[in-house]
């Protein structure tokens, strides 16, 4: 489905991503783990079209993405939940969700998908007329995820969805990621909570200073001594 080949991304003279290759197959949860500054968010932004790589290939169902603007990539079925939520603070919950569907014309399906989002996140339904900026951090994270789902993506990229949340909310967010995946949406997850991410991932990659240094199933990496020592407190 999503294939990254020899991807390189630079900021001026600094090469942040140094020739990485990986893939995400239909129906999988795949996670990228790594320390701050490893290049995880840069990789996500390159896939989404928010920054342009210096070289390499990114294809979605065989279509090259590197030359496309971000809105065209969304139209192909790829959506991103950005790090830091980035909700439209002055718009209501409902307006944020409607903005997520801006490329779509199928009004009946949009209404159904909004109800699906409200089923996943009942608190958003209770606050549907409330300004997004007045929501708690956890509620804003739910809204960012709901807004991405309103694009009706075949693959959703999630960048640090558990950041800054209480342990109880972290558990809820990971449960919802699994629920979204069980309904057929493929997930590429960037997450510093490596233990939780590896526990739900079918496959995983470790990114260190712009290189992929390890890969395997989530189960394999959670047992790997190097991963345990670097990311799991082992």
Foldseek 3Di string as FASTA:
>chain_A
DKWWFQWWAADVPRIQAGTETDDFDFLFEEEEEEDPSLCPQVVVCQQQQVDATPDTFIDDVRHTDRPDHNVVSLVVFEFEQDPPLPFPQQAFLQVLQVVLQVVDDPVVVLVVLLVVLCVLPVVCVVRRRPGLNPDDPLVSLSSSVSSRCSSVHLEYEYEASCPPHDPVSSVSVLVSVLVVSVVGRYYYYYHLLLVSSLVRGQKYFYGGSNYTDDIDGSVVLVPDPVCCVPRVVD
